[in-house]
C-alpha cells in the first residue's frame, strides 16, 4: 500500500525506537482527523486492503479484550497507552 510505504519512509526511526513505535506513529497520524477524513481514506482501499484492515482490527480488539479481562500474563499485556480506539 502506497500510504504504508510513505509512512515507513517518513517515520522509519520512530517505528523502530520502541515496541510501540508503530502504534504511536499511527495514533499520532490519525488523531486530528475527522470521521469524514477517515471515511475518505478507507474509500481508497482495495477490497483486499479493506479485508485486511477489518480483520486486523477485530483481532486487535479481541487481544485488547483478553488483556483487559486479565487473560494474558501481565508481562504480555499489549496496550500500555490509554487510548480509546474502538
Protein backbone atom coordinates (compact mmCIF):
# COMPACT_ATOMS: atom_id res chain seq x y z
CA UNK A 1 0.00 0.00 0.00
CA UNK A 2 1.42 3.34 -1.04
CA UNK A 3 0.33 5.06 2.20
CA UNK A 4 2.15 2.49 4.35
CA UNK A 5 5.28 2.82 2.22
CA UNK A 6 5.20 6.60 2.68
CA UNK A 7 4.65 6.37 6.45
CA UNK A 8 7.51 3.88 6.67
CA UNK A 9 9.80 6.17 4.70
CA UNK A 10 8.94 9.24 6.78
CA UNK A 11 8.86 7.64 10.23
CA UNK A 12 11.33 4.78 9.95
CA UNK A 13 13.34 5.79 13.03
CA UNK A 14 10.29 6.32 15.25
CA UNK A 15 8.86 2.99 14.11
CA UNK A 16 11.93 1.14 15.34
CA UNK A 17 12.63 3.10 18.55
CA UNK A 18 10.27 1.10 20.75
CA UNK A 19 7.96 -1.90 20.58
CA UNK A 20 5.04 0.54 20.47
CA UNK A 21 6.59 2.70 17.74
CA UNK A 22 4.07 1.76 15.05
CA UNK A 23 1.12 2.28 17.38
CA UNK A 24 2.43 5.67 18.47
CA UNK A 25 3.07 6.83 14.89
CA UNK A 26 -0.32 5.69 13.62
CA UNK A 27 -2.23 7.22 16.54
CA UNK A 28 -0.36 10.48 16.03
CA UNK A 29 -1.06 10.49 12.29
CA UNK A 30 -4.79 9.92 12.64
CA UNK A 31 -5.55 11.65 15.95
CA UNK A 32 -6.58 15.00 14.46
CA UNK A 33 -8.62 13.61 11.59
CA UNK A 34 -12.39 13.68 11.43
CA UNK A 35 -14.65 10.74 10.73
CA UNK A 36 -15.10 12.14 7.22
CA UNK A 37 -11.32 12.18 6.67
CA UNK A 38 -11.09 8.57 7.79
CA UNK A 39 -14.05 7.57 5.59
CA UNK A 40 -12.30 9.14 2.60
CA UNK A 41 -9.09 7.28 3.43
CA UNK A 42 -10.96 3.97 3.74
CA UNK A 43 -12.72 4.61 0.42
CA UNK A 44 -9.32 4.48 -1.32
CA UNK A 45 -8.58 0.95 -0.10
CA UNK A 46 -8.76 -2.04 -2.40
CA UNK A 47 -11.07 -4.92 -1.45
CA UNK A 48 -8.08 -6.89 -0.17
CA UNK A 49 -6.80 -3.94 1.90
CA UNK A 50 -10.28 -3.45 3.36
CA UNK A 51 -10.45 -7.13 4.30
CA UNK A 52 -7.02 -6.95 5.92
CA UNK A 53 -7.86 -3.77 7.82
CA UNK A 54 -11.13 -5.10 9.22
CA UNK A 55 -9.60 -8.48 10.06
CA UNK A 56 -6.66 -6.91 11.89
CA UNK A 57 -8.96 -4.53 13.72
CA UNK A 58 -11.10 -7.39 15.04
CA UNK A 59 -8.02 -9.43 16.03
CA UNK A 60 -6.54 -6.46 17.90
CA UNK A 61 -9.84 -5.72 19.66
CA UNK A 62 -10.04 -9.37 20.75
CA UNK A 63 -6.46 -9.19 22.04
CA UNK A 64 -7.31 -6.00 23.91
CA UNK A 65 -10.38 -7.66 25.41
CA UNK A 66 -8.27 -10.64 26.51
CA UNK A 67 -5.76 -8.27 28.07
CA UNK A 68 -8.49 -6.22 29.78
CA UNK A 69 -10.00 -9.40 31.19
CA UNK A 70 -6.62 -10.48 32.59
CA UNK A 71 -6.36 -13.47 30.29
CA UNK A 72 -2.81 -12.57 29.20
CA UNK A 73 0.01 -12.86 31.73
CA UNK A 74 0.88 -9.33 32.91
CA UNK A 75 4.19 -9.16 31.00
CA UNK A 76 2.30 -9.86 27.78
CA UNK A 77 -0.23 -7.04 28.14
CA UNK A 78 -0.20 -5.25 24.84
CA UNK A 79 -1.84 -1.87 25.44
CA UNK A 80 0.28 0.41 27.62
CA UNK A 81 -1.20 3.52 26.02
CA UNK A 82 -4.52 4.63 27.38
CA UNK A 83 -6.16 5.41 24.05
CA UNK A 84 -9.80 4.80 23.36
CA UNK A 85 -9.54 3.04 19.98
CA UNK A 86 -12.83 1.43 19.10
